Amino acid sequence: MTIISWIILGLLAGAIAKFLLPGRDPGGFIGTTLIGIAGAFIGGWISARWLDHPITKTFYDGATWAAAIGGSLVLLIVYRLLFGNSRN
């Protein structure tokens, strides 16, 4: 997959992570989107590095989507833990 594909996948993974973890985010829509993109990259890297599932060449691979969404969820949770009270 190209870098553009990973960015699109990250945008969608961020939206899915936001849907699965509703609530107010400290960064709003832009912050959540950037977390989704970073989560897709990190989830894909972890999947290829430690889970022995190399990055595929197709956009529609379920394991790639699961890694991207999982990475986005983890980053969103960490982001909320670190900066969750900054919007009070």
Protein backbone atom coordinates (compact mmCIF):
# COMPACT_ATOMS: atom_id res chain seq x y z
CA MET A 1 0.00 0.00 0.00
CA THR A 2 1.14 3.52 -0.65
CA ILE A 3 1.46 6.27 1.92
CA ILE A 4 -1.79 7.80 0.64
CA SER A 5 -3.57 4.50 1.28
CA TRP A 6 -2.27 4.45 4.85
CA ILE A 7 -3.47 8.01 5.40
CA ILE A 8 -6.94 7.15 4.09
CA LEU A 9 -6.96 3.98 6.18
CA GLY A 10 -5.90 6.07 9.19
CA LEU A 11 -8.71 8.56 8.63
CA LEU A 12 -11.26 5.76 8.50
CA ALA A 13 -9.67 3.92 11.44
CA GLY A 14 -9.76 7.13 13.48
CA ALA A 15 -13.45 7.59 12.70
CA ILE A 16 -14.17 3.98 13.67
CA ALA A 17 -12.14 4.35 16.88
CA LYS A 18 -14.08 7.53 17.71
CA PHE A 19 -17.34 5.66 17.08
CA LEU A 20 -16.23 2.81 19.37
CA LEU A 21 -14.99 5.23 22.07
CA PRO A 22 -17.45 8.12 22.11
CA GLY A 23 -16.96 11.20 24.23
CA ARG A 24 -15.17 14.50 24.20
CA ASP A 25 -11.61 14.43 22.99
CA PRO A 26 -9.12 17.09 23.98
CA GLY A 27 -8.11 17.68 20.35
CA GLY A 28 -11.54 17.60 18.76
CA PHE A 29 -12.05 16.31 15.24
CA ILE A 30 -8.60 17.27 13.96
CA GLY A 31 -6.84 15.66 16.92
CA THR A 32 -8.86 12.47 16.56
CA THR A 33 -8.09 12.35 12.84
CA LEU A 34 -4.36 12.73 13.43
CA ILE A 35 -4.51 10.06 16.13
CA GLY A 36 -6.24 7.76 13.63
CA ILE A 37 -3.51 8.28 11.05
CA ALA A 38 -0.74 7.74 13.62
CA GLY A 39 -2.59 4.69 14.98
CA ALA A 40 -2.80 3.15 11.53
CA PHE A 41 0.93 3.54 11.04
CA ILE A 42 1.78 2.26 14.51
CA GLY A 43 -0.70 -0.63 14.33
CA GLY A 44 0.66 -1.68 10.95
CA TRP A 45 4.22 -1.47 12.20
CA ILE A 46 3.46 -3.52 15.32
CA SER A 47 1.59 -6.07 13.22
CA ALA A 48 4.51 -6.47 10.83
CA ARG A 49 7.23 -6.34 13.48
CA TRP A 50 5.95 -8.43 16.39
CA LEU A 51 2.78 -10.23 15.33
CA ASP A 52 4.39 -11.82 12.26
CA HIS A 53 1.73 -10.49 9.90
CA PRO A 54 3.45 -8.51 7.17
CA ILE A 55 1.77 -5.50 5.64
CA THR A 56 -0.20 -6.64 2.65
CA LYS A 57 -0.40 -4.99 -0.73
CA THR A 58 -4.19 -4.80 -0.62
CA PHE A 59 -6.31 -2.15 1.02
CA TYR A 60 -9.10 -4.58 1.96
CA ASP A 61 -7.15 -6.98 4.20
CA GLY A 62 -9.03 -7.54 7.46
CA ALA A 63 -5.90 -7.94 9.58
CA THR A 64 -4.52 -4.64 8.31
CA TRP A 65 -7.79 -2.91 9.20
CA ALA A 66 -7.82 -4.55 12.64
CA ALA A 67 -4.24 -3.42 13.29
CA ALA A 68 -5.05 0.15 12.18
CA ILE A 69 -8.21 0.37 14.28
CA GLY A 70 -6.48 -1.24 17.26
CA GLY A 71 -3.59 1.20 17.03
CA SER A 72 -6.02 4.10 16.80
CA LEU A 73 -7.96 2.91 19.84
CA VAL A 74 -4.80 2.53 21.90
CA LEU A 75 -3.53 5.98 20.93
CA LEU A 76 -6.93 7.54 21.58
CA ILE A 77 -7.08 5.99 25.06
CA VAL A 78 -3.54 7.12 25.88
CA TYR A 79 -4.30 10.61 24.55
CA ARG A 80 -7.42 10.86 26.69
CA LEU A 81 -5.52 9.68 29.76
CA LEU A 82 -2.76 12.24 29.24
CA PHE A 83 -4.78 15.24 28.07
CA GLY A 84 -8.38 14.38 28.98
CA ASN A 85 -8.89 17.10 31.55
CA SER A 86 -7.51 19.95 29.47
CA ARG A 87 -10.96 20.97 28.10
CA ASN A 88 -12.62 21.63 31.46
